[in-house]
Amino acid sequence: NAGTEADVYICVYGETGDTGSRQLLRSQKSKKFLKGQTDIFAVETVHLGHLYKIVIGHSGLGSGNGWFLDKVVIKDPVTDLDYTFLCHRWLDQGQDDGNIARELAVTDVGTLPGREELELKREETWAAEKWKFQKGNTLQFYNRLTHGFICLNPDSSVDALGDKRNKYGKVFFMRIYA
């Protein structure tokens, strides 16, 4: 249920102006906006210079009109540049924040490889560390302020009294960044 049959609209913004709201009508696919599908549209417009944002949304009409949008890539035929606008969110009145339209800024392609590398490292770290979170394990975090342990127990209870001794014989030191 991540696709939509609602009418989808886009407005593209560049250095020299915008396209105005345009309905995306003719895809190269027979059915538009299906889950996991990439749709390609041609939109005629004057050259807008470098693109910096889009507003994309849908009419909200029809049953099951909610839509999960991964990203939009716009190819400028004049400069041969690709502009990527990452979304990875719902456009749905009943999901996420309830919005059926999103304003998306262009993704800086210079930072994208860094993001992909960070995500790969995150996946590798999780693969190496997920055993700690398996059913039946007790996690202990050492609190440097109280010099005690905070335990996350297998029954989902938390012992946060800061016990000064190691009850279970193993300590996992983790740094959590937010």
N, C-alpha and C. Protein backbone atom coordinates (compact mmCIF):
# COMPACT_ATOMS: atom_id res chain seq x y z
N ASN A 1 0.82 -1.21 0.00
CA ASN A 1 0.00 0.00 0.00
C ASN A 1 0.86 1.26 0.00
N ALA A 2 2.03 1.23 -0.62
CA ALA A 2 2.89 2.40 -0.66
C ALA A 2 2.72 3.22 -1.93
N GLY A 3 1.89 2.74 -2.85
CA GLY A 3 1.64 3.47 -4.09
C GLY A 3 0.38 4.32 -3.96
N THR A 4 0.10 5.11 -4.99
CA THR A 4 -1.10 5.95 -4.96
C THR A 4 -1.75 6.01 -6.33
N GLU A 5 -3.07 6.19 -6.34
CA GLU A 5 -3.80 6.44 -7.57
C GLU A 5 -4.25 7.90 -7.63
N ALA A 6 -3.89 8.68 -6.62
CA ALA A 6 -4.24 10.10 -6.59
C ALA A 6 -3.45 10.86 -7.66
N ASP A 7 -3.90 12.05 -8.01
CA ASP A 7 -3.18 12.91 -8.95
C ASP A 7 -1.96 13.49 -8.24
N VAL A 8 -0.79 13.35 -8.85
CA VAL A 8 0.46 13.84 -8.26
C VAL A 8 0.89 15.11 -8.98
N TYR A 9 1.30 16.10 -8.18
CA TYR A 9 1.71 17.40 -8.69
C TYR A 9 3.13 17.71 -8.24
N ILE A 10 3.85 18.48 -9.06
CA ILE A 10 5.21 18.89 -8.70
C ILE A 10 5.42 20.34 -9.14
N CYS A 11 6.20 21.07 -8.35
CA CYS A 11 6.66 22.40 -8.72
C CYS A 11 8.17 22.41 -8.51
N VAL A 12 8.91 22.77 -9.56
CA VAL A 12 10.37 22.76 -9.52
C VAL A 12 10.86 24.20 -9.43
N TYR A 13 11.78 24.45 -8.49
CA TYR A 13 12.31 25.79 -8.28
C TYR A 13 13.78 25.84 -8.67
N GLY A 14 14.15 26.90 -9.43
CA GLY A 14 15.53 27.10 -9.83
C GLY A 14 15.93 28.55 -9.66
N GLU A 15 17.15 28.86 -10.07
CA GLU A 15 17.69 30.22 -9.91
C GLU A 15 16.84 31.30 -10.60
N THR A 16 16.23 30.93 -11.72
CA THR A 16 15.52 31.94 -12.51
C THR A 16 14.00 31.86 -12.41
N GLY A 17 13.48 31.02 -11.53
CA GLY A 17 12.03 30.93 -11.38
C GLY A 17 11.58 29.53 -11.05
N ASP A 18 10.30 29.27 -11.32
CA ASP A 18 9.76 27.94 -11.03
C ASP A 18 8.80 27.53 -12.14
N THR A 19 8.43 26.27 -12.12
CA THR A 19 7.56 25.71 -13.16
C THR A 19 6.09 25.98 -12.90
N GLY A 20 5.75 26.35 -11.66
CA GLY A 20 4.34 26.35 -11.28
C GLY A 20 3.94 24.91 -11.03
N SER A 21 2.78 24.72 -10.47
CA SER A 21 2.32 23.36 -10.15
C SER A 21 1.97 22.61 -11.44
N ARG A 22 2.58 21.47 -11.60
CA ARG A 22 2.34 20.65 -12.81
C ARG A 22 1.90 19.26 -12.39
N GLN A 23 0.82 18.78 -12.98
CA GLN A 23 0.40 17.41 -12.72
C GLN A 23 1.26 16.47 -13.52
N LEU A 24 1.73 15.39 -12.89
CA LEU A 24 2.53 14.38 -13.58
C LEU A 24 1.58 13.39 -14.22
N LEU A 25 1.43 13.50 -15.54
CA LEU A 25 0.40 12.75 -16.25
C LEU A 25 0.90 11.49 -16.94
N ARG A 26 1.85 11.63 -17.83
CA ARG A 26 2.23 10.52 -18.70
C ARG A 26 3.56 9.92 -18.28
N SER A 27 3.48 8.78 -17.62
CA SER A 27 4.68 8.03 -17.25
C SER A 27 5.00 7.05 -18.37
N GLN A 28 6.21 6.54 -18.36
CA GLN A 28 6.55 5.50 -19.33
C GLN A 28 5.98 4.15 -18.90
N LYS A 29 5.39 4.08 -17.72
CA LYS A 29 4.75 2.85 -17.22
C LYS A 29 3.25 2.96 -17.43
N SER A 30 2.58 1.82 -17.59
CA SER A 30 1.13 1.86 -17.80
C SER A 30 0.38 2.29 -16.54
N LYS A 31 0.86 1.88 -15.36
CA LYS A 31 0.27 2.33 -14.08
C LYS A 31 1.33 3.12 -13.34
N LYS A 32 0.95 4.33 -12.91
CA LYS A 32 1.90 5.23 -12.26
C LYS A 32 1.92 5.02 -10.75
N PHE A 33 3.05 5.36 -10.15
CA PHE A 33 3.23 5.49 -8.70
C PHE A 33 2.92 4.21 -7.92
N LEU A 34 3.41 3.08 -8.44
CA LEU A 34 3.26 1.82 -7.73
C LEU A 34 4.45 1.59 -6.80
N LYS A 35 4.24 0.80 -5.77
CA LYS A 35 5.31 0.49 -4.82
C LYS A 35 6.51 -0.12 -5.53
N GLY A 36 7.69 0.41 -5.24
CA GLY A 36 8.93 -0.13 -5.80
C GLY A 36 9.19 0.23 -7.25
N GLN A 37 8.34 1.03 -7.84
CA GLN A 37 8.45 1.36 -9.26
C GLN A 37 9.10 2.73 -9.46
N THR A 38 9.88 2.86 -10.51
CA THR A 38 10.42 4.15 -10.91
C THR A 38 9.62 4.66 -12.10
N ASP A 39 9.03 5.82 -11.96
CA ASP A 39 8.27 6.44 -13.05
C ASP A 39 9.08 7.56 -13.66
N ILE A 40 9.00 7.71 -14.97
CA ILE A 40 9.75 8.74 -15.69
C ILE A 40 8.75 9.63 -16.42
N PHE A 41 8.89 10.95 -16.21
CA PHE A 41 8.01 11.94 -16.83
C PHE A 41 8.83 12.98 -17.55
N ALA A 42 8.28 13.53 -18.62
CA ALA A 42 8.88 14.68 -19.30
C ALA A 42 8.05 15.89 -18.92
N VAL A 43 8.72 16.93 -18.43
CA VAL A 43 8.03 18.17 -18.06
C VAL A 43 8.68 19.30 -18.84
N GLU A 44 7.89 19.95 -19.71
CA GLU A 44 8.42 21.06 -20.51
C GLU A 44 8.40 22.34 -19.68
N THR A 45 9.52 23.08 -19.75
CA THR A 45 9.62 24.33 -19.03
C THR A 45 10.76 25.16 -19.61
N VAL A 46 10.77 26.44 -19.31
CA VAL A 46 11.94 27.25 -19.66
C VAL A 46 13.08 26.79 -18.76
N HIS A 47 14.33 27.10 -19.17
CA HIS A 47 15.46 26.68 -18.34
C HIS A 47 15.45 27.47 -17.04
N LEU A 48 15.54 26.78 -15.91
CA LEU A 48 15.43 27.39 -14.60
C LEU A 48 16.77 27.65 -13.94
N GLY A 49 17.87 27.38 -14.64
CA GLY A 49 19.19 27.50 -14.01
C GLY A 49 19.39 26.34 -13.04
N HIS A 50 20.26 26.54 -12.06
CA HIS A 50 20.48 25.47 -11.09
C HIS A 50 19.25 25.30 -10.21
N LEU A 51 18.82 24.06 -10.04
CA LEU A 51 17.64 23.76 -9.24
C LEU A 51 18.02 23.69 -7.77
N TYR A 52 17.10 24.12 -6.89
CA TYR A 52 17.41 24.06 -5.47
C TYR A 52 16.32 23.41 -4.62
N LYS A 53 15.08 23.34 -5.12
CA LYS A 53 14.04 22.64 -4.36
C LYS A 53 12.89 22.26 -5.27
N ILE A 54 12.07 21.35 -4.74
CA ILE A 54 10.80 20.99 -5.38
C ILE A 54 9.73 20.95 -4.29
N VAL A 55 8.49 21.09 -4.73
CA VAL A 55 7.35 20.80 -3.87
C VAL A 55 6.57 19.73 -4.62
N ILE A 56 6.35 18.60 -3.96
CA ILE A 56 5.65 17.49 -4.59
C ILE A 56 4.55 17.01 -3.65
N GLY A 57 3.42 16.69 -4.22
CA GLY A 57 2.30 16.23 -3.41
C GLY A 57 1.24 15.60 -4.29
N HIS A 58 0.15 15.22 -3.66
CA HIS A 58 -0.95 14.63 -4.42
C HIS A 58 -2.28 15.19 -3.95
N SER A 59 -3.32 14.87 -4.70
CA SER A 59 -4.65 15.43 -4.46
C SER A 59 -5.31 14.87 -3.21
N GLY A 60 -4.89 13.72 -2.73
CA GLY A 60 -5.51 13.11 -1.56
C GLY A 60 -6.82 12.42 -1.89
N LEU A 61 -7.15 12.32 -3.17
CA LEU A 61 -8.42 11.72 -3.57
C LEU A 61 -8.24 10.25 -3.94
N GLY A 62 -9.28 9.48 -3.73
CA GLY A 62 -9.26 8.07 -4.07
C GLY A 62 -8.95 7.20 -2.86
N SER A 63 -9.37 5.96 -2.94
CA SER A 63 -9.12 5.05 -1.82
C SER A 63 -7.65 4.67 -1.79
N GLY A 64 -7.10 4.58 -0.60
CA GLY A 64 -5.69 4.22 -0.46
C GLY A 64 -4.78 5.20 -1.16
N ASN A 65 -5.03 6.51 -0.98
CA ASN A 65 -4.27 7.51 -1.72
C ASN A 65 -2.89 7.78 -1.13
N GLY A 66 -2.60 7.27 0.06
CA GLY A 66 -1.30 7.50 0.68
C GLY A 66 -0.18 6.99 -0.21
N TRP A 67 0.97 7.65 -0.14
CA TRP A 67 2.07 7.33 -1.05
C TRP A 67 3.38 7.47 -0.30
N PHE A 68 4.24 6.47 -0.43
CA PHE A 68 5.58 6.55 0.14
C PHE A 68 6.53 6.91 -0.99
N LEU A 69 7.14 8.10 -0.88
CA LEU A 69 8.04 8.60 -1.91
C LEU A 69 9.48 8.45 -1.46
N ASP A 70 10.29 7.76 -2.24
CA ASP A 70 11.69 7.57 -1.90
C ASP A 70 12.51 8.79 -2.31
N LYS A 71 12.47 9.14 -3.59
CA LYS A 71 13.24 10.28 -4.07
C LYS A 71 12.76 10.71 -5.44
N VAL A 72 13.19 11.92 -5.83
CA VAL A 72 12.93 12.44 -7.17
C VAL A 72 14.28 12.84 -7.75
N VAL A 73 14.54 12.41 -8.97
CA VAL A 73 15.75 12.80 -9.67
C VAL A 73 15.32 13.55 -10.93
N ILE A 74 15.85 14.76 -11.09
CA ILE A 74 15.53 15.58 -12.26
C ILE A 74 16.79 15.72 -13.09
N LYS A 75 16.67 15.36 -14.37
CA LYS A 75 17.80 15.49 -15.30
C LYS A 75 17.58 16.75 -16.13
N ASP A 76 18.55 17.66 -16.05
CA ASP A 76 18.50 18.90 -16.82
C ASP A 76 19.14 18.62 -18.18
N PRO A 77 18.34 18.64 -19.27
CA PRO A 77 18.91 18.31 -20.58
C PRO A 77 19.86 19.39 -21.12
N VAL A 78 19.77 20.61 -20.61
CA VAL A 78 20.65 21.69 -21.07
C VAL A 78 22.05 21.51 -20.50
N THR A 79 22.14 21.27 -19.19
CA THR A 79 23.45 21.15 -18.53
C THR A 79 23.89 19.71 -18.35
N ASP A 80 23.00 18.76 -18.60
CA ASP A 80 23.24 17.33 -18.40
C ASP A 80 23.53 16.99 -16.93
N LEU A 81 23.02 17.83 -16.01
CA LEU A 81 23.18 17.58 -14.58
C LEU A 81 21.96 16.85 -14.04
N ASP A 82 22.20 15.99 -13.05
CA ASP A 82 21.12 15.33 -12.32
C ASP A 82 20.99 16.01 -10.97
N TYR A 83 19.75 16.32 -10.60
CA TYR A 83 19.45 16.90 -9.29
C TYR A 83 18.63 15.87 -8.51
N THR A 84 19.10 15.52 -7.33
CA THR A 84 18.42 14.51 -6.51
C THR A 84 17.76 15.17 -5.32
N PHE A 85 16.50 14.82 -5.09
CA PHE A 85 15.72 15.32 -3.97
C PHE A 85 15.27 14.10 -3.15
N LEU A 86 15.90 13.87 -2.02
CA LEU A 86 15.58 12.72 -1.19
C LEU A 86 14.36 13.01 -0.33
N CYS A 87 13.47 12.05 -0.23
CA CYS A 87 12.28 12.20 0.59
C CYS A 87 12.22 11.08 1.63
N HIS A 88 12.04 9.86 1.17
CA HIS A 88 11.95 8.66 2.00
C HIS A 88 10.93 8.84 3.13
N ARG A 89 9.75 9.37 2.76
CA ARG A 89 8.67 9.60 3.73
C ARG A 89 7.33 9.38 3.07
N TRP A 90 6.31 9.27 3.92
CA TRP A 90 4.94 9.14 3.46
C TRP A 90 4.35 10.49 3.09
N LEU A 91 3.54 10.49 2.06
CA LEU A 91 2.65 11.59 1.72
C LEU A 91 1.26 11.01 1.91
N ASP A 92 0.77 11.11 3.13
CA ASP A 92 -0.44 10.38 3.52
C ASP A 92 -1.04 11.05 4.75
N GLN A 93 -2.32 11.33 4.70
CA GLN A 93 -3.00 11.97 5.83
C GLN A 93 -3.04 11.06 7.06
N GLY A 94 -2.89 9.75 6.86
CA GLY A 94 -2.97 8.81 7.98
C GLY A 94 -1.63 8.24 8.41
N GLN A 95 -0.53 8.69 7.83
CA GLN A 95 0.80 8.18 8.16
C GLN A 95 1.74 9.34 8.47
N ASP A 96 2.85 9.02 9.11
CA ASP A 96 3.93 9.99 9.34
C ASP A 96 3.34 11.24 9.99
N ASP A 97 3.54 12.43 9.40
CA ASP A 97 3.04 13.67 9.99
C ASP A 97 1.72 14.12 9.38
N GLY A 98 1.12 13.31 8.50
CA GLY A 98 -0.18 13.61 7.91
C GLY A 98 -0.15 14.52 6.70
N ASN A 99 1.03 14.94 6.25
CA ASN A 99 1.12 15.82 5.08
C ASN A 99 1.03 15.03 3.78
N ILE A 100 0.35 15.61 2.79
CA ILE A 100 0.28 14.97 1.47
C ILE A 100 1.11 15.74 0.45
N ALA A 101 1.88 16.71 0.92
CA ALA A 101 2.81 17.45 0.07
C ALA A 101 4.10 17.67 0.85
N ARG A 102 5.22 17.66 0.15
CA ARG A 102 6.52 17.84 0.79
C ARG A 102 7.34 18.84 -0.01
N GLU A 103 8.08 19.69 0.72
CA GLU A 103 9.07 20.56 0.11
C GLU A 103 10.42 19.89 0.33
N LEU A 104 11.13 19.62 -0.76
CA LEU A 104 12.39 18.89 -0.70
C LEU A 104 13.51 19.73 -1.28
N ALA A 105 14.58 19.87 -0.53
CA ALA A 105 15.76 20.59 -1.01
C ALA A 105 16.64 19.64 -1.81
N VAL A 106 17.39 20.19 -2.75
CA VAL A 106 18.29 19.37 -3.54
C VAL A 106 19.34 18.76 -2.61
N THR A 107 19.70 17.53 -2.87
CA THR A 107 20.73 16.85 -2.10
C THR A 107 22.08 17.22 -2.68
N ASP A 108 22.96 17.67 -1.82
CA ASP A 108 24.31 18.02 -2.25
C ASP A 108 25.03 16.74 -2.65
N VAL A 109 25.29 16.57 -3.94
CA VAL A 109 25.91 15.33 -4.42
C VAL A 109 27.30 15.13 -3.83
N GLY A 110 27.94 16.20 -3.40
CA GLY A 110 29.26 16.08 -2.79
C GLY A 110 29.22 15.35 -1.46
N THR A 111 28.07 15.43 -0.76
CA THR A 111 27.96 14.76 0.54
C THR A 111 27.34 13.38 0.42
N LEU A 112 26.75 13.06 -0.72
CA LEU A 112 26.07 11.78 -0.86
C LEU A 112 27.00 10.59 -0.69
N PRO A 113 28.18 10.55 -1.30
CA PRO A 113 29.06 9.40 -1.06
C PRO A 113 29.39 9.24 0.42
N GLY A 114 29.56 10.36 1.13
CA GLY A 114 29.82 10.29 2.57
C GLY A 114 28.65 9.68 3.31
N ARG A 115 27.44 10.03 2.92
CA ARG A 115 26.24 9.46 3.54
C ARG A 115 26.15 7.97 3.28
N GLU A 116 26.42 7.58 2.02
CA GLU A 116 26.36 6.16 1.68
C GLU A 116 27.42 5.38 2.47
N GLU A 117 28.61 5.97 2.61
CA GLU A 117 29.66 5.32 3.37
C GLU A 117 29.25 5.20 4.84
N LEU A 118 28.66 6.26 5.40
CA LEU A 118 28.19 6.23 6.78
C LEU A 118 27.13 5.16 6.97
N GLU A 119 26.20 5.04 6.02
CA GLU A 119 25.16 4.03 6.12
C GLU A 119 25.75 2.63 6.05
N LEU A 120 26.74 2.42 5.19
CA LEU A 120 27.40 1.13 5.09
C LEU A 120 28.09 0.79 6.41
N LYS A 121 28.78 1.76 7.00
CA LYS A 121 29.44 1.53 8.29
C LYS A 121 28.41 1.23 9.37
N ARG A 122 27.28 1.92 9.32
CA ARG A 122 26.21 1.68 10.30
C ARG A 122 25.71 0.25 10.17
N GLU A 123 25.52 -0.22 8.94
CA GLU A 123 25.06 -1.60 8.71
C GLU A 123 26.09 -2.61 9.18
N GLU A 124 27.37 -2.35 8.91
CA GLU A 124 28.43 -3.25 9.35
C GLU A 124 28.51 -3.30 10.88
N THR A 125 28.38 -2.14 11.51
CA THR A 125 28.41 -2.08 12.97
C THR A 125 27.24 -2.85 13.55
N TRP A 126 26.05 -2.66 12.99
CA TRP A 126 24.88 -3.38 13.51
C TRP A 126 25.06 -4.88 13.33
N ALA A 127 25.60 -5.31 12.21
CA ALA A 127 25.81 -6.74 11.98
C ALA A 127 26.75 -7.32 13.05
N ALA A 128 27.74 -6.53 13.46
CA ALA A 128 28.69 -7.00 14.46
C ALA A 128 28.16 -6.91 15.88
N GLU A 129 27.22 -6.03 16.12
CA GLU A 129 26.76 -5.76 17.49
C GLU A 129 25.37 -6.28 17.82
N LYS A 130 24.60 -6.73 16.84
CA LYS A 130 23.20 -7.07 17.10
C LYS A 130 23.01 -8.25 18.05
N TRP A 131 24.03 -9.09 18.20
CA TRP A 131 23.92 -10.23 19.11
C TRP A 131 23.65 -9.76 20.53
N LYS A 132 24.10 -8.57 20.87
CA LYS A 132 23.90 -8.05 22.24
C LYS A 132 22.43 -7.81 22.54
N PHE A 133 21.64 -7.63 21.50
CA PHE A 133 20.25 -7.28 21.69
C PHE A 133 19.30 -8.46 21.46
N GLN A 134 19.85 -9.66 21.42
CA GLN A 134 19.02 -10.84 21.23
C GLN A 134 18.25 -11.15 22.51
N LYS A 135 17.14 -11.83 22.34
CA LYS A 135 16.28 -12.18 23.45
C LYS A 135 17.08 -12.95 24.51
N GLY A 136 16.89 -12.58 25.75
CA GLY A 136 17.54 -13.26 26.86
C GLY A 136 18.81 -12.59 27.35
N ASN A 137 19.37 -11.67 26.58
CA ASN A 137 20.59 -10.99 27.00
C ASN A 137 20.25 -9.82 27.93
N THR A 138 21.11 -9.59 28.89
CA THR A 138 21.03 -8.42 29.75
C THR A 138 22.16 -7.48 29.36
N LEU A 139 21.82 -6.24 29.09
CA LEU A 139 22.82 -5.24 28.75
C LEU A 139 23.11 -4.38 29.97
N GLN A 140 24.37 -4.10 30.17
CA GLN A 140 24.77 -3.23 31.26
C GLN A 140 25.52 -2.04 30.67
N PHE A 141 25.16 -0.88 31.16
CA PHE A 141 25.85 0.34 30.77
C PHE A 141 26.48 0.92 32.02
N TYR A 142 27.73 1.24 31.94
CA TYR A 142 28.43 1.82 33.08
C TYR A 142 28.21 3.32 33.09
N ASN A 143 27.75 3.83 34.22
CA ASN A 143 27.50 5.25 34.37
C ASN A 143 28.70 5.88 35.06
N ARG A 144 29.46 6.68 34.32
CA ARG A 144 30.66 7.28 34.90
C ARG A 144 30.34 8.29 35.99
N LEU A 145 29.17 8.85 35.97
CA LEU A 145 28.80 9.82 36.99
C LEU A 145 28.57 9.14 38.35
N THR A 146 27.81 8.04 38.34
CA THR A 146 27.50 7.34 39.60
C THR A 146 28.45 6.19 39.88
N HIS A 147 29.26 5.83 38.90
CA HIS A 147 30.16 4.67 38.98
C HIS A 147 29.38 3.39 39.25
N GLY A 148 28.18 3.33 38.72
CA GLY A 148 27.34 2.14 38.86
C GLY A 148 26.90 1.65 37.50
N PHE A 149 26.12 0.57 37.50
CA PHE A 149 25.65 -0.04 36.26
C PHE A 149 24.16 0.19 36.08
N ILE A 150 23.77 0.45 34.85
CA ILE A 150 22.36 0.50 34.48
C ILE A 150 22.12 -0.74 33.64
N CYS A 151 21.14 -1.55 34.03
CA CYS A 151 20.89 -2.82 33.36
C CYS A 151 19.58 -2.79 32.58
N LEU A 152 19.65 -3.25 31.34
CA LEU A 152 18.46 -3.48 30.53
C LEU A 152 18.23 -4.98 30.55
N ASN A 153 17.17 -5.42 31.23
CA ASN A 153 16.94 -6.84 31.47
C ASN A 153 16.14 -7.49 30.35
N PRO A 154 16.24 -8.81 30.22
CA PRO A 154 15.53 -9.53 29.16
C PRO A 154 14.02 -9.35 29.20
N ASP A 155 13.46 -9.05 30.38
CA ASP A 155 12.01 -8.87 30.48
C ASP A 155 11.59 -7.43 30.17
N SER A 156 12.50 -6.65 29.59
CA SER A 156 12.29 -5.25 29.20
C SER A 156 12.28 -4.29 30.37
N SER A 157 12.56 -4.76 31.57
CA SER A 157 12.65 -3.85 32.71
C SER A 157 14.05 -3.23 32.73
N VAL A 158 14.15 -2.09 33.40
CA VAL A 158 15.41 -1.36 33.50
C VAL A 158 15.75 -1.20 34.97
N ASP A 159 16.95 -1.60 35.33
CA ASP A 159 17.46 -1.39 36.68
C ASP A 159 18.40 -0.19 36.59
N ALA A 160 17.89 0.97 36.98
CA ALA A 160 18.68 2.20 36.84
C ALA A 160 19.14 2.73 38.19
N LEU A 161 19.23 1.87 39.18
CA LEU A 161 19.63 2.32 40.51
C LEU A 161 21.11 2.61 40.60
N GLY A 162 21.87 2.22 39.60
CA GLY A 162 23.29 2.51 39.60
C GLY A 162 24.06 1.60 40.53
N ASP A 163 23.72 0.32 40.52
CA ASP A 163 24.42 -0.66 41.37
C ASP A 163 25.91 -0.59 41.07
N LYS A 164 26.73 -0.61 42.11
CA LYS A 164 28.17 -0.43 41.97
C LYS A 164 28.90 -1.72 41.59
N ARG A 165 28.22 -2.83 41.60
CA ARG A 165 28.88 -4.10 41.27
C ARG A 165 28.35 -4.64 39.95
N ASN A 166 29.15 -5.45 39.31
CA ASN A 166 28.79 -6.06 38.05
C ASN A 166 28.05 -7.35 38.34
N LYS A 167 26.71 -7.35 38.19
CA LYS A 167 25.90 -8.52 38.54
C LYS A 167 26.09 -9.69 37.58
N TYR A 168 26.39 -9.43 36.33
CA TYR A 168 26.32 -10.48 35.33
C TYR A 168 27.67 -10.88 34.76
N GLY A 169 28.72 -10.25 35.18
CA GLY A 169 30.05 -10.68 34.78
C GLY A 169 30.57 -10.10 33.48
N LYS A 170 29.72 -9.46 32.66
CA LYS A 170 30.16 -8.86 31.41
C LYS A 170 29.66 -7.44 31.34
N VAL A 171 30.49 -6.58 30.84
CA VAL A 171 30.12 -5.18 30.69
C VAL A 171 30.36 -4.77 29.26
N PHE A 172 29.41 -4.12 28.66
CA PHE A 172 29.55 -3.59 27.32
C PHE A 172 29.58 -2.07 27.44
N PHE A 173 30.65 -1.47 27.03
CA PHE A 173 30.74 -0.03 27.04
C PHE A 173 30.32 0.49 25.68
N MET A 174 29.33 1.34 25.66
CA MET A 174 28.82 1.88 24.42
C MET A 174 28.80 3.39 24.51
N ARG A 175 29.12 4.02 23.42
CA ARG A 175 28.95 5.46 23.30
C ARG A 175 27.75 5.67 22.38
N ILE A 176 26.83 6.47 22.83
CA ILE A 176 25.64 6.74 22.03
C ILE A 176 25.69 8.21 21.65
N TYR A 177 25.61 8.46 20.36
CA TYR A 177 25.66 9.81 19.83
C TYR A 177 24.28 10.20 19.33
N ALA A 178 23.86 11.37 19.66
CA ALA A 178 22.56 11.83 19.17
C ALA A 178 22.73 13.14 18.44
